[in-house]
Amino acid sequence: MSEIRNIIGEEQVKKACGGMSKSTRWRGERKGIFPKRVQLSDNRVGWFEDEIIEWQKNLQRGPAVFTENLKKGKYSKETHG
């Protein structure tokens, strides 16, 4: 039997990402450097909490690293499978 994964909403994801804007997260999803959302209904999306936690663990310290990776399209298959 599969393990049930917790899904978190927009406000929790925004808080977990230090207030990162929706558009920046969306671009990160498209480039494969931020976890992809899950469509819950016509007007509701969420993210698997474990993927957001893993993304946080893999953040590098330094100025605007995520933004630079976003521009370069860097992708880690180990963290985003």
Protein backbone atom coordinates (compact mmCIF):
# COMPACT_ATOMS: atom_id res chain seq x y z
CA MET A 1 0.00 0.00 0.00
CA SER A 2 1.30 3.46 -0.87
CA GLU A 3 2.18 6.00 1.77
CA ILE A 4 -0.17 9.00 1.94
CA ARG A 5 1.71 12.23 1.24
CA ASN A 6 0.72 15.51 2.84
CA ILE A 7 -0.30 18.28 0.40
CA ILE A 8 0.16 21.92 1.41
CA GLY A 9 -1.50 25.01 -0.06
CA GLU A 10 -0.33 28.31 -1.50
CA GLU A 11 0.06 30.18 1.79
CA GLN A 12 2.13 27.43 3.40
CA VAL A 13 4.36 27.14 0.32
CA LYS A 14 4.84 30.91 0.17
CA LYS A 15 5.86 30.92 3.84
CA ALA A 16 8.21 27.94 3.35
CA CYS A 17 9.86 29.80 0.46
CA GLY A 18 10.48 32.99 2.38
CA GLY A 19 7.74 34.88 0.53
CA MET A 20 8.98 34.00 -2.97
CA SER A 21 6.46 35.26 -5.51
CA LYS A 22 4.07 32.99 -7.41
CA SER A 23 5.64 33.93 -10.73
CA THR A 24 9.17 33.07 -9.54
CA ARG A 25 7.98 29.70 -8.21
CA TRP A 26 6.09 29.07 -11.46
CA ARG A 27 9.23 29.77 -13.52
CA GLY A 28 11.16 27.45 -11.20
CA GLU A 29 8.60 24.70 -11.81
CA ARG A 30 8.89 25.12 -15.56
CA LYS A 31 12.70 24.92 -15.40
CA GLY A 32 12.65 21.92 -13.06
CA ILE A 33 14.31 23.64 -10.10
CA PHE A 34 11.20 23.93 -7.93
CA PRO A 35 8.68 21.17 -7.11
CA LYS A 36 5.72 20.96 -9.47
CA ARG A 37 2.26 21.76 -8.20
CA VAL A 38 -0.58 19.23 -8.01
CA GLN A 39 -3.99 20.19 -9.39
CA LEU A 40 -6.53 19.46 -6.66
CA SER A 41 -9.62 20.92 -8.35
CA ASP A 42 -10.46 23.47 -11.05
CA ASN A 43 -9.40 26.38 -8.84
CA ARG A 44 -7.07 24.81 -6.28
CA VAL A 45 -3.47 23.63 -6.40
CA GLY A 46 -1.10 22.28 -3.78
CA TRP A 47 2.41 20.88 -3.40
CA PHE A 48 3.65 17.71 -1.79
CA GLU A 49 5.11 18.81 1.53
CA ASP A 50 8.01 16.35 1.35
CA GLU A 51 9.12 17.84 -2.00
CA ILE A 52 9.07 21.37 -0.57
CA ILE A 53 11.11 20.21 2.43
CA GLU A 54 13.61 18.48 0.13
CA TRP A 55 13.86 21.67 -1.96
CA GLN A 56 14.59 23.66 1.21
CA LYS A 57 17.30 21.20 2.27
CA ASN A 58 19.03 21.58 -1.10
CA LEU A 59 19.09 25.37 -1.13
CA GLN A 60 22.58 26.83 -1.36
CA ARG A 61 23.56 29.75 0.79
CA GLY A 62 24.56 32.93 -0.95
CA PRO A 63 23.08 35.87 -2.80
CA ALA A 64 20.27 35.07 -5.21
CA VAL A 65 21.39 31.49 -5.90
CA PHE A 66 17.85 30.37 -6.80
CA THR A 67 17.45 33.28 -9.21
CA GLU A 68 20.79 32.51 -10.88
CA ASN A 69 19.85 28.84 -11.19
CA LEU A 70 16.49 29.89 -12.61
CA LYS A 71 18.22 31.96 -15.29
CA LYS A 72 20.64 29.13 -16.12
CA GLY A 73 17.95 26.44 -16.04
CA LYS A 74 19.90 24.26 -13.60
CA TYR A 75 18.18 21.05 -12.65
CA SER A 76 19.04 18.33 -10.16
CA LYS A 77 17.53 14.93 -10.93
CA GLU A 78 18.49 13.71 -7.47
CA THR A 79 16.21 16.25 -5.81
CA HIS A 80 13.44 16.62 -8.38
CA GLY A 81 13.30 13.07 -9.68
